[in-house]
Protein backbone atom coordinates (compact mmCIF):
# COMPACT_ATOMS: atom_id res chain seq x y z
CA MET A 1 81.69 0.36 -37.73
CA PRO A 2 79.87 2.53 -40.32
CA PRO A 3 76.16 1.89 -40.69
CA ASP A 4 74.96 -0.33 -43.50
CA SER A 5 74.11 1.93 -46.43
CA THR A 6 72.45 -0.84 -48.49
CA PRO A 7 68.98 0.39 -49.50
CA PRO A 8 66.07 -1.74 -48.21
CA LYS A 9 64.73 -4.32 -50.59
CA LYS A 10 61.61 -3.14 -52.41
CA VAL A 11 58.49 -5.13 -51.52
CA GLU A 12 56.57 -6.48 -54.48
CA TRP A 13 52.84 -6.51 -53.72
CA THR A 14 50.58 -9.05 -55.37
CA GLN A 15 47.93 -7.95 -57.83
CA ALA A 16 45.22 -8.87 -55.29
CA VAL A 17 46.69 -6.42 -52.77
CA ARG A 18 46.93 -3.70 -55.43
CA ASP A 19 43.29 -4.25 -56.36
CA TYR A 20 42.32 -4.09 -52.69
CA VAL A 21 44.04 -0.72 -52.28
CA SER A 22 42.47 0.52 -55.50
CA ARG A 23 39.00 -0.41 -54.26
CA ALA A 24 39.69 1.30 -50.93
CA PHE A 25 40.18 4.65 -52.69
CA ASP A 26 37.47 4.17 -55.29
CA SER A 27 34.94 7.02 -55.15
CA ASP A 28 32.08 4.49 -55.04
CA ASN A 29 33.36 3.10 -51.72
CA ILE A 30 33.79 6.41 -49.90
CA ILE A 31 32.02 6.51 -46.52
CA GLU A 32 30.91 9.87 -45.21
CA GLY A 33 32.83 11.02 -42.16
CA ILE A 34 35.98 8.98 -42.92
CA SER A 35 38.75 10.97 -44.58
CA LYS A 36 41.14 9.77 -47.23
CA GLU A 37 44.04 10.11 -44.78
CA GLU A 38 42.34 7.84 -42.23
CA THR A 39 41.61 5.26 -44.91
CA GLN A 40 45.24 5.40 -46.05
CA VAL A 41 46.61 4.90 -42.53
CA ARG A 42 44.30 1.93 -41.85
CA ALA A 43 45.06 0.33 -45.23
CA LYS A 44 48.77 0.60 -44.49
CA GLU A 45 48.31 -1.03 -41.07
CA ILE A 46 46.32 -3.94 -42.52
CA ILE A 47 48.73 -4.68 -45.35
CA GLN A 48 51.78 -4.29 -43.13
CA TYR A 49 50.32 -6.63 -40.53
CA PHE A 50 49.82 -9.49 -43.00
CA ALA A 51 53.09 -8.76 -44.78
CA GLU A 52 55.11 -9.13 -41.57
CA ARG A 53 53.59 -12.59 -41.11
CA ASN A 54 53.94 -13.63 -44.78
CA MET A 55 50.17 -14.02 -44.98
CA GLN A 56 49.37 -11.61 -47.79
CA GLU A 57 48.93 -14.44 -50.30
CA SER A 58 46.68 -16.50 -48.00
CA ILE A 59 44.12 -13.72 -47.47
CA ASP A 60 41.10 -13.46 -49.72
CA TRP A 61 41.57 -9.77 -50.52
CA ALA A 62 38.54 -9.70 -52.78
CA ASP A 63 36.27 -10.48 -49.81
CA TYR A 64 38.27 -8.76 -47.05
CA PRO A 65 36.54 -5.66 -45.50
CA LEU A 66 37.82 -2.31 -46.78
CA PRO A 67 39.68 -0.02 -44.33
CA GLN A 68 36.84 2.50 -44.21
CA GLN A 69 34.36 -0.28 -43.46
CA LEU A 70 36.41 -1.42 -40.47
CA LEU A 71 36.70 2.19 -39.25
CA ALA A 72 32.95 2.73 -39.60
CA GLU A 73 32.19 -0.44 -37.65
CA GLU A 74 34.57 0.55 -34.86
CA ARG A 75 32.98 4.00 -34.54
CA LYS A 76 29.49 2.57 -34.59
CA ARG A 77 30.26 0.26 -31.67
CA ALA A 78 32.21 2.93 -29.79
CA ASN A 79 29.26 5.33 -30.03
CA ALA A 80 26.91 2.64 -28.75
CA ALA A 81 29.04 1.94 -25.69
CA PRO A 82 27.99 4.02 -22.64
CA ALA A 83 31.31 3.54 -20.88
CA VAL A 84 33.98 0.98 -21.63
CA ALA A 85 36.26 -0.12 -18.83
CA LEU A 86 39.94 -0.68 -19.46
CA GLY A 87 41.18 -4.26 -19.64
CA TYR A 88 40.09 -7.34 -21.50
CA GLY A 89 36.45 -8.36 -21.31
CA TYR A 90 35.11 -11.79 -20.56
CA ALA A 91 31.77 -12.55 -19.01
CA ASN A 92 31.21 -9.56 -16.74
CA ASN A 93 32.78 -6.60 -18.52
CA ALA A 94 31.01 -3.53 -19.91
CA HIS A 95 28.25 -4.43 -22.34
CA VAL A 96 27.47 -2.94 -25.71
CA ASN A 97 24.33 -3.56 -27.73
CA SER A 98 25.39 -4.30 -31.27
CA SER A 99 22.89 -3.56 -33.97
CA ASN A 100 24.52 -5.64 -36.65
CA GLY A 101 22.09 -7.49 -38.86
CA THR A 102 21.38 -11.05 -37.80
CA THR A 103 18.72 -13.65 -38.29
CA ASN A 104 16.11 -14.25 -35.61
CA SER A 105 15.86 -17.56 -33.79
CA SER A 106 13.60 -19.92 -35.63
CA SER A 107 10.94 -21.88 -33.84
CA PRO A 108 11.71 -25.41 -32.63
CA ALA A 109 11.24 -28.24 -35.08
CA PRO A 110 8.90 -31.08 -34.06
CA PRO A 111 10.61 -33.83 -32.03
CA GLN A 112 11.40 -37.18 -33.55
CA SER A 113 11.12 -39.03 -30.24
CA LYS A 114 9.26 -38.70 -26.97
CA LYS A 115 11.73 -36.23 -25.52
CA ARG A 116 12.64 -33.09 -27.36
CA LYS A 117 16.12 -32.93 -28.88
CA SER A 118 18.32 -29.87 -29.14
CA GLN A 119 19.21 -30.90 -32.72
CA GLY A 120 15.94 -29.55 -34.07
CA LEU A 121 16.40 -26.04 -32.68
CA ASP A 122 17.71 -23.86 -35.32
CA ASP A 123 25.29 -11.61 -16.49
CA PRO A 124 25.31 -12.54 -13.54
CA GLN A 125 22.88 -9.83 -12.73
CA PRO A 126 24.55 -6.48 -12.14
CA ARG A 127 25.42 -5.59 -8.58
CA PRO A 128 22.56 -3.56 -7.09
CA THR A 129 23.23 0.13 -6.85
CA GLU A 130 22.97 2.02 -3.62
CA THR A 131 19.63 3.49 -4.63
CA SER A 132 18.16 -0.01 -5.07
CA ILE A 133 19.00 -1.09 -1.48
CA PRO A 134 15.95 -0.95 0.81
CA PRO A 135 16.09 1.81 3.47
CA TRP A 136 16.06 -0.71 6.30
CA ARG A 137 19.30 -2.25 4.99
CA LYS A 138 21.04 1.12 4.66
CA THR A 139 20.58 2.00 8.31
CA ASN A 140 23.49 1.12 10.52
CA LEU A 141 22.56 -0.30 13.90
CA GLU A 142 25.36 1.71 15.53
CA ALA A 143 23.76 4.94 14.26
CA ARG A 144 20.67 4.17 16.37
CA ILE A 145 22.55 3.59 19.63
CA THR A 146 23.83 6.34 21.98
CA TYR A 147 27.32 5.59 23.28
CA ALA A 148 29.31 7.13 26.06
CA ASP A 149 32.18 9.42 25.04
CA GLY A 150 34.76 6.70 25.51
CA HIS A 151 32.91 4.26 23.27
CA THR A 152 32.48 6.91 20.59
CA GLU A 153 36.19 7.66 20.54
CA LYS A 154 37.03 3.96 20.21
CA ARG A 155 34.60 3.59 17.31
CA HIS A 156 36.17 6.56 15.51
CA LYS A 157 39.64 5.06 15.91
CA LYS A 158 38.46 1.67 14.70
CA SER A 159 36.76 3.26 11.67
CA ALA A 160 39.88 5.21 10.74
CA PHE A 161 42.04 2.11 11.10
CA THR A 162 39.66 0.05 8.92
CA GLU A 163 39.55 2.66 6.14
CA ASP A 164 43.35 3.00 6.15
CA THR A 165 43.80 -0.78 6.02
CA LEU A 166 41.28 -1.21 3.17
CA SER A 167 42.97 1.59 1.24
CA LYS A 168 46.33 -0.16 1.51
CA LEU A 169 44.83 -3.51 0.54
CA ASP A 170 43.10 -2.00 -2.50
CA GLN A 171 46.34 -0.38 -3.59
CA ALA A 172 48.21 -3.68 -3.20
CA ASP A 173 45.59 -5.50 -5.29
CA LEU A 174 45.86 -2.87 -8.00
CA GLU A 175 49.64 -3.21 -8.11
CA LYS A 176 49.40 -7.01 -8.36
CA ARG A 177 46.91 -6.76 -11.20
CA LYS A 178 49.07 -4.16 -12.93
CA GLN A 179 52.12 -6.43 -12.78
CA ARG A 180 50.16 -9.53 -13.77
CA PHE A 181 48.80 -8.15 -17.01
CA GLN A 182 51.67 -5.73 -17.62
CA LEU A 183 49.21 -2.97 -18.40
CA GLY A 184 51.20 -0.23 -16.69
CA LYS A 185 53.88 1.89 -18.33
CA ASN A 186 56.28 1.98 -15.40
CA GLY A 187 55.96 -1.52 -13.91
CA ASN A 188 59.18 -3.03 -12.53
CA LYS A 189 60.97 -5.94 -14.13
CA SER A 190 63.50 -8.11 -12.33
CA ASN A 191 66.36 -5.98 -13.65
CA GLY A 192 64.71 -2.72 -12.59
CA SER A 193 64.15 -1.41 -16.13
CA PRO A 194 60.71 -0.03 -17.02
CA LEU A 195 58.26 -1.98 -19.14
CA PRO A 196 57.76 -0.81 -22.72
CA ASP A 197 54.67 1.28 -23.48
CA VAL A 198 51.61 -0.84 -24.03
CA ASP A 199 48.53 0.41 -25.86
CA MET A 200 45.56 0.15 -23.54
CA PRO A 201 42.31 -1.09 -25.12
CA THR A 202 39.81 1.75 -25.42
CA GLY A 203 36.89 -0.13 -26.96
CA PRO A 204 35.66 -3.51 -28.17
CA VAL A 205 37.96 -5.63 -30.29
CA VAL A 206 37.14 -5.84 -34.01
CA GLY A 207 37.94 -9.39 -35.12
CA LEU A 208 40.01 -10.23 -38.21
CA ASN A 209 40.20 -14.03 -37.94
CA GLN A 210 38.47 -15.83 -40.83
CA SER A 211 38.54 -19.40 -39.41
CA LEU A 212 35.16 -21.07 -38.88
CA GLU A 213 36.49 -23.45 -36.20
CA LYS A 214 38.68 -22.34 -33.29
CA SER A 215 39.45 -24.07 -30.00
CA TYR A 216 38.54 -22.36 -26.75
CA PHE A 217 41.31 -20.96 -24.53
CA ARG A 218 40.72 -18.97 -21.37
CA LEU A 219 41.93 -15.38 -21.78
CA THR A 220 44.90 -14.34 -19.63
CA ALA A 221 45.72 -11.15 -21.57
CA PRO A 222 43.89 -8.61 -23.75
CA PRO A 223 42.57 -10.36 -26.89
CA LYS A 224 44.22 -9.71 -30.25
CA ALA A 225 42.17 -8.88 -33.32
CA GLU A 226 43.84 -11.60 -35.39
CA THR A 227 42.61 -14.30 -32.98
CA VAL A 228 39.00 -13.06 -32.86
CA ARG A 229 36.37 -13.79 -35.51
CA PRO A 230 34.03 -11.01 -36.67
CA LEU A 231 30.25 -11.34 -36.56
CA ARG A 232 29.81 -12.45 -40.18
CA VAL A 233 32.26 -15.33 -39.62
CA LEU A 234 30.59 -16.29 -36.32
CA GLU A 235 27.24 -16.59 -38.09
CA LYS A 236 28.76 -19.10 -40.50
CA THR A 237 30.36 -20.89 -37.54
CA LEU A 238 26.98 -21.35 -35.83
CA GLY A 239 25.53 -22.93 -38.97
CA LEU A 240 28.50 -25.31 -39.18
CA LEU A 241 28.25 -26.31 -35.51
CA THR A 242 24.50 -27.03 -35.61
CA LYS A 243 25.04 -29.18 -38.68
CA LYS A 244 27.90 -31.11 -37.04
CA TRP A 245 25.85 -31.62 -33.86
CA ARG A 246 23.03 -33.22 -35.85
CA GLU A 247 25.40 -35.43 -37.83
CA GLU A 248 28.14 -36.34 -35.32
CA ASN A 249 26.65 -35.67 -31.85
CA ASN A 250 30.16 -35.13 -30.41
CA TYR A 251 29.45 -33.11 -27.26
CA ASN A 252 33.05 -32.45 -26.16
CA TYR A 253 33.88 -30.91 -29.54
CA ILE A 254 30.63 -28.93 -29.80
CA CYS A 255 30.92 -27.55 -26.26
CA ASN A 256 34.50 -26.40 -26.87
CA GLN A 257 33.53 -24.68 -30.12
CA PHE A 258 30.48 -22.97 -28.59
CA LYS A 259 32.57 -21.62 -25.70
CA SER A 260 35.03 -20.21 -28.23
CA LEU A 261 32.14 -18.66 -30.18
CA ARG A 262 30.69 -17.10 -27.03
CA GLN A 263 34.10 -15.72 -26.10
CA ASP A 264 34.48 -14.00 -29.48
CA LEU A 265 31.06 -12.41 -29.04
CA THR A 266 31.96 -11.19 -25.54
CA VAL A 267 35.31 -9.56 -26.36
CA GLN A 268 33.68 -7.71 -29.26
CA HIS A 269 30.78 -6.61 -27.01
CA ILE A 270 28.26 -8.00 -29.49
CA LYS A 271 24.82 -8.22 -27.91
CA ASN A 272 21.97 -8.78 -30.34
CA SER A 273 19.49 -11.45 -31.40
CA PHE A 274 22.34 -13.60 -32.76
CA THR A 275 23.99 -13.59 -29.32
CA VAL A 276 20.72 -14.77 -27.75
CA LYS A 277 20.43 -17.53 -30.36
CA VAL A 278 23.97 -18.80 -29.63
CA TYR A 279 23.39 -19.00 -25.87
CA GLU A 280 19.98 -20.66 -26.26
CA ILE A 281 21.27 -23.38 -28.58
CA HIS A 282 24.27 -24.08 -26.35
CA ALA A 283 22.03 -24.21 -23.26
CA ARG A 284 19.69 -26.75 -24.92
CA ILE A 285 22.58 -28.96 -26.00
CA ALA A 286 24.05 -28.83 -22.46
CA LEU A 287 20.66 -29.77 -21.00
CA GLU A 288 20.32 -32.73 -23.36
CA LYS A 289 23.74 -34.04 -22.26
CA GLY A 290 23.15 -33.31 -18.56
CA ASP A 291 25.92 -30.67 -18.31
CA LEU A 292 24.35 -28.37 -15.72
CA GLY A 293 27.54 -26.35 -15.23
CA GLU A 294 27.60 -25.19 -18.86
CA TYR A 295 23.81 -24.78 -18.89
CA ASN A 296 23.98 -22.45 -15.89
CA GLN A 297 26.58 -20.24 -17.54
CA CYS A 298 24.33 -19.86 -20.59
CA GLN A 299 21.22 -19.34 -18.45
CA THR A 300 22.90 -16.57 -16.46
CA GLN A 301 23.85 -14.66 -19.61
CA LEU A 302 20.40 -15.21 -21.14
CA ARG A 303 18.73 -13.61 -18.13
CA ALA A 304 20.69 -10.41 -18.77
CA LEU A 305 20.11 -10.53 -22.53
CA TYR A 306 16.34 -11.00 -22.18
CA THR A 307 16.10 -7.76 -20.19
CA GLN A 308 17.32 -5.92 -23.31
CA ASN A 309 14.44 -7.22 -25.47
CA LEU A 310 16.69 -8.87 -28.04
CA GLY A 311 14.28 -11.68 -28.91
CA GLY A 312 14.70 -15.36 -28.20
CA HIS A 313 12.54 -17.62 -26.03
CA PRO A 314 12.46 -16.10 -22.51
CA HIS A 315 9.38 -18.08 -21.41
CA GLU A 316 11.00 -21.39 -22.29
CA PHE A 317 14.10 -20.66 -20.23
CA LEU A 318 12.11 -19.19 -17.37
CA ALA A 319 10.33 -22.56 -17.14
CA TYR A 320 13.70 -24.32 -17.09
CA ARG A 321 14.84 -22.02 -14.29
CA ILE A 322 11.82 -22.93 -12.16
CA LEU A 323 12.60 -26.64 -12.62
CA TYR A 324 16.25 -25.98 -11.83
CA PHE A 325 15.30 -24.39 -8.50
CA VAL A 326 13.11 -27.42 -7.79
CA TYR A 327 16.13 -29.63 -8.42
CA THR A 328 18.44 -27.62 -6.14
CA CYS A 329 15.73 -27.12 -3.48
CA ASN A 330 16.52 -23.40 -3.57
CA LYS A 331 13.43 -22.03 -1.84
CA ALA A 332 14.73 -18.48 -1.41
CA ASP A 333 15.44 -17.91 -5.09
CA MET A 334 12.26 -19.76 -6.01
CA ASN A 335 10.19 -17.36 -3.91
CA ASP A 336 11.90 -14.36 -5.52
CA LEU A 337 11.22 -15.76 -8.98
CA LEU A 338 7.55 -16.48 -8.19
CA ALA A 339 7.11 -12.91 -6.98
CA GLU A 340 8.42 -11.58 -10.30
CA LEU A 341 6.09 -13.63 -12.52
CA THR A 342 3.53 -11.65 -14.50
CA PRO A 343 0.06 -12.87 -15.57
CA THR A 344 1.46 -13.25 -19.09
CA ASP A 345 4.23 -15.49 -17.77
CA LYS A 346 1.80 -17.66 -15.83
CA ALA A 347 -0.38 -18.13 -18.92
CA ASN A 348 2.49 -19.67 -20.89
CA ASP A 349 2.16 -23.47 -21.25
CA TRP A 350 5.79 -24.25 -20.39
CA ILE A 351 5.82 -22.02 -17.31
CA LYS A 352 2.41 -23.37 -16.25
CA HIS A 353 3.80 -26.92 -16.44
CA ALA A 354 6.87 -26.00 -14.38
CA LEU A 355 4.71 -24.29 -11.74
CA GLU A 356 2.49 -27.38 -11.50
CA VAL A 357 5.58 -29.53 -10.91
CA ARG A 358 6.68 -27.21 -8.10
CA SER A 359 3.18 -27.23 -6.58
CA ALA A 360 2.84 -31.04 -6.76
CA LEU A 361 6.10 -31.55 -4.87
CA ALA A 362 5.34 -28.82 -2.35
CA LEU A 363 2.06 -30.59 -1.54
CA GLY A 364 3.62 -34.07 -1.54
CA ASN A 365 1.36 -35.16 -4.40
CA TYR A 366 3.69 -37.68 -6.03
CA HIS A 367 0.88 -39.13 -8.17
CA LYS A 368 0.42 -35.79 -9.96
CA PHE A 369 4.18 -35.23 -10.17
CA PHE A 370 4.78 -38.42 -12.14
CA ARG A 371 1.89 -37.61 -14.49
CA LEU A 372 3.59 -34.25 -15.16
CA TYR A 373 6.89 -36.05 -15.69
CA LEU A 374 5.34 -38.16 -18.44
CA GLU A 375 3.81 -35.03 -19.99
CA ALA A 376 7.20 -33.30 -20.06
CA ASN A 377 8.71 -36.21 -21.96
CA ALA A 378 5.91 -36.05 -24.51
CA LYS A 379 6.07 -32.27 -25.05
CA ALA A 380 8.26 -30.43 -27.57
CA TYR A 381 10.01 -29.05 -24.51
CA MET A 382 13.27 -29.89 -22.79
CA GLY A 383 12.04 -29.62 -19.21
CA GLY A 384 12.03 -33.43 -19.14
CA TYR A 385 15.84 -33.41 -19.15
CA LEU A 386 15.86 -31.27 -16.00
CA MET A 387 13.23 -33.49 -14.36
CA ASP A 388 15.39 -36.53 -15.16
CA MET A 389 17.92 -35.11 -12.68
CA PHE A 390 15.58 -35.30 -9.71
CA VAL A 391 13.05 -37.99 -10.68
CA GLU A 392 15.05 -40.70 -8.89
CA ARG A 393 14.98 -38.64 -5.70
CA GLU A 394 11.22 -38.23 -5.98
CA ARG A 395 10.73 -41.95 -6.64
CA LEU A 396 12.50 -42.72 -3.37
CA THR A 397 10.30 -40.15 -1.61
CA ALA A 398 7.18 -41.75 -3.10
CA LEU A 399 8.36 -45.22 -2.01
CA ALA A 400 8.90 -43.93 1.54
CA ASN A 401 5.33 -42.60 1.58
CA ILE A 402 3.87 -45.77 0.04
CA SER A 403 5.70 -47.91 2.63
CA ARG A 404 3.83 -46.05 5.39
CA SER A 405 0.45 -46.70 3.76
CA TYR A 406 0.67 -50.21 2.29
CA ILE A 407 1.95 -53.57 3.49
CA ALA A 408 2.66 -54.90 -0.02
CA VAL A 409 2.00 -53.75 -3.61
CA THR A 410 2.53 -55.32 -7.00
CA ILE A 411 5.38 -54.40 -9.31
CA ARG A 412 2.76 -53.43 -11.88
CA PHE A 413 1.30 -50.85 -9.48
CA LEU A 414 4.71 -49.34 -8.75
CA THR A 415 5.60 -49.28 -12.46
CA ALA A 416 2.54 -47.20 -13.28
CA GLU A 417 2.66 -45.04 -10.16
CA LEU A 418 6.37 -44.13 -10.43
CA ALA A 419 6.28 -43.58 -14.22
CA PHE A 420 8.57 -46.44 -15.30
CA GLU A 421 8.29 -47.60 -18.90
CA LYS A 422 8.50 -51.32 -18.08
CA GLU A 423 8.16 -53.59 -15.06
CA SER A 424 11.74 -54.73 -15.57
CA ASP A 425 12.90 -51.11 -15.15
CA CYS A 426 11.02 -50.82 -11.88
CA ARG A 427 12.49 -54.08 -10.56
CA GLU A 428 16.01 -52.98 -11.57
CA PHE A 429 15.47 -49.69 -9.71
CA LEU A 430 14.46 -51.50 -6.52
CA GLU A 431 17.36 -53.96 -6.73
CA SER A 432 19.91 -51.19 -7.36
CA HIS A 433 18.78 -49.52 -4.11
CA GLY A 434 19.12 -52.64 -1.95
CA ALA A 435 15.45 -53.68 -1.91
CA GLN A 436 15.82 -56.96 -3.81
CA HIS A 437 14.90 -58.97 -0.67
CA LEU A 438 11.50 -57.26 -0.64
CA ILE A 439 10.49 -58.67 -4.04
CA GLU A 440 8.62 -61.97 -4.04
CA GLU A 441 6.48 -64.00 -6.44
CA MET A 442 2.77 -64.22 -5.85
CA VAL A 443 0.50 -66.81 -7.49
CA ASP A 444 -3.24 -66.32 -7.83
CA ALA A 445 -6.05 -67.28 -10.19
CA SER A 446 -4.83 -64.89 -12.88
CA GLY A 447 -1.26 -66.19 -12.84
CA THR A 448 2.12 -65.38 -11.31
CA HIS A 449 2.89 -61.80 -10.27
CA LEU A 450 5.73 -60.01 -8.55
CA ARG A 451 4.94 -58.32 -5.26
CA VAL A 452 6.98 -55.86 -3.18
CA LYS A 453 6.69 -55.95 0.62
CA VAL A 454 7.09 -52.20 0.95
CA LYS A 455 6.23 -52.13 4.67
CA GLY A 456 9.36 -54.12 5.47
CA GLY A 457 11.51 -51.65 3.52
CA ALA A 458 10.21 -48.45 5.15
CA SER A 459 13.49 -47.71 6.95
CA ILE A 460 15.52 -48.39 3.80
CA PHE A 461 13.42 -46.06 1.65
CA GLU A 462 13.46 -43.31 4.28
CA SER A 463 17.24 -43.49 4.59
CA LEU A 464 17.64 -43.37 0.82
CA ARG A 465 15.27 -40.40 0.62
CA SER A 466 17.28 -38.43 3.19
CA THR A 467 20.53 -39.14 1.36
CA ALA A 468 19.03 -38.09 -1.98
CA PHE A 469 18.06 -34.70 -0.53
CA SER A 470 21.58 -33.86 0.58
CA LYS A 471 22.97 -30.50 -0.59
CA VAL A 472 23.34 -30.12 -4.34
CA ASP A 473 26.64 -28.49 -5.36
CA ILE A 474 26.89 -27.68 -9.05
CA LYS A 475 29.62 -25.89 -10.98
CA GLY A 476 28.32 -22.62 -12.36
CA GLN A 477 25.28 -22.63 -10.09
CA ILE A 478 23.03 -19.57 -10.43
């Protein structure tokens, strides 16, 4: 059958597209270092992409970045990247410091209630290199022992076998990953035919998506530019989300949108003051709603970002980290953190408060601890939300100690000592933990009072204290 000789239908471009092309080649918009040929090729790619999807009329061509602007931005980020690994990036990929203009985090607004609200507020660490490992950990015990010839030969055989096995396992893992993401050029399909050539990503993605709201989906393949929002759109998105959080307070929606925003920043390797601001706001919102898993993910990224001196509030989140280690009873990491504190850190009010909380509990001074708890709720500081997560545990510990020192105490005494707002709250706490039989009425000259026979509940309080200090397992734990 002879080939169809009908000439292809001529595409009629809209006037907006024509004006866009005209502006691209206007002498006033020329960028040094980008040739006319490069601009022409990129303009053709952009227009062809939207034409194939019948989207050329839905794009605001008057506001869309010019081809040379996109090329300049790509080169700027590529030059800033020390070394970009192949594959799609998520949380732990190569990092690039973007120097795009952003606004700095504003200071917290004064709280409207006792406890600070997030509404008023505008990596894992890299694996240590070999040079950072202490000498005593580098030394192999076997290297310090003299073996007989037979033992030496066995060790050599075992070493050779281990290296060969690991090499095969590494190769198998690489092949599985290659087939999973279809990043190879000669991977095998079920019919034995080779996979088509796939362009490997050689740098950060430059987003083209103009939507302010976008649901979060976990990446299972390299991200596409049309699904990623550029920095200028993400800045507008953050303003929209903070406004919706103040007005609607819908955490499920806000958390989903912030995770999507963070993902777009990550795949574009954007690391600047705006990135810090996004993670700080999301961390505060997660703290307010008691979502420690999401808070930990933000806190981990913030630790890496703060080392790059990108601004933000490092002292505030260092104080939260101290309280978090108190909550998880993580003494090893707490000791490491305390060793890293500088005199400047210790002089900060928030860090000083967190250190006093740690000290009060380490000394068993529950009276001071509950005074600090009330101070945290009164400060423009969100440490009170973290203390809320372990205050019940500490109240049970205090009751166990009181039961060893007193025969009976009044409800009024316990209300003040354990930092309850009302006597009814204290009574409800005791009843919810099976101590209702210890409460009795007492009549004296001043009237009728409620008394708690704490001595009789010593075993109950001690059992509850032990249960409360069971291992804490949290998603996203640092």
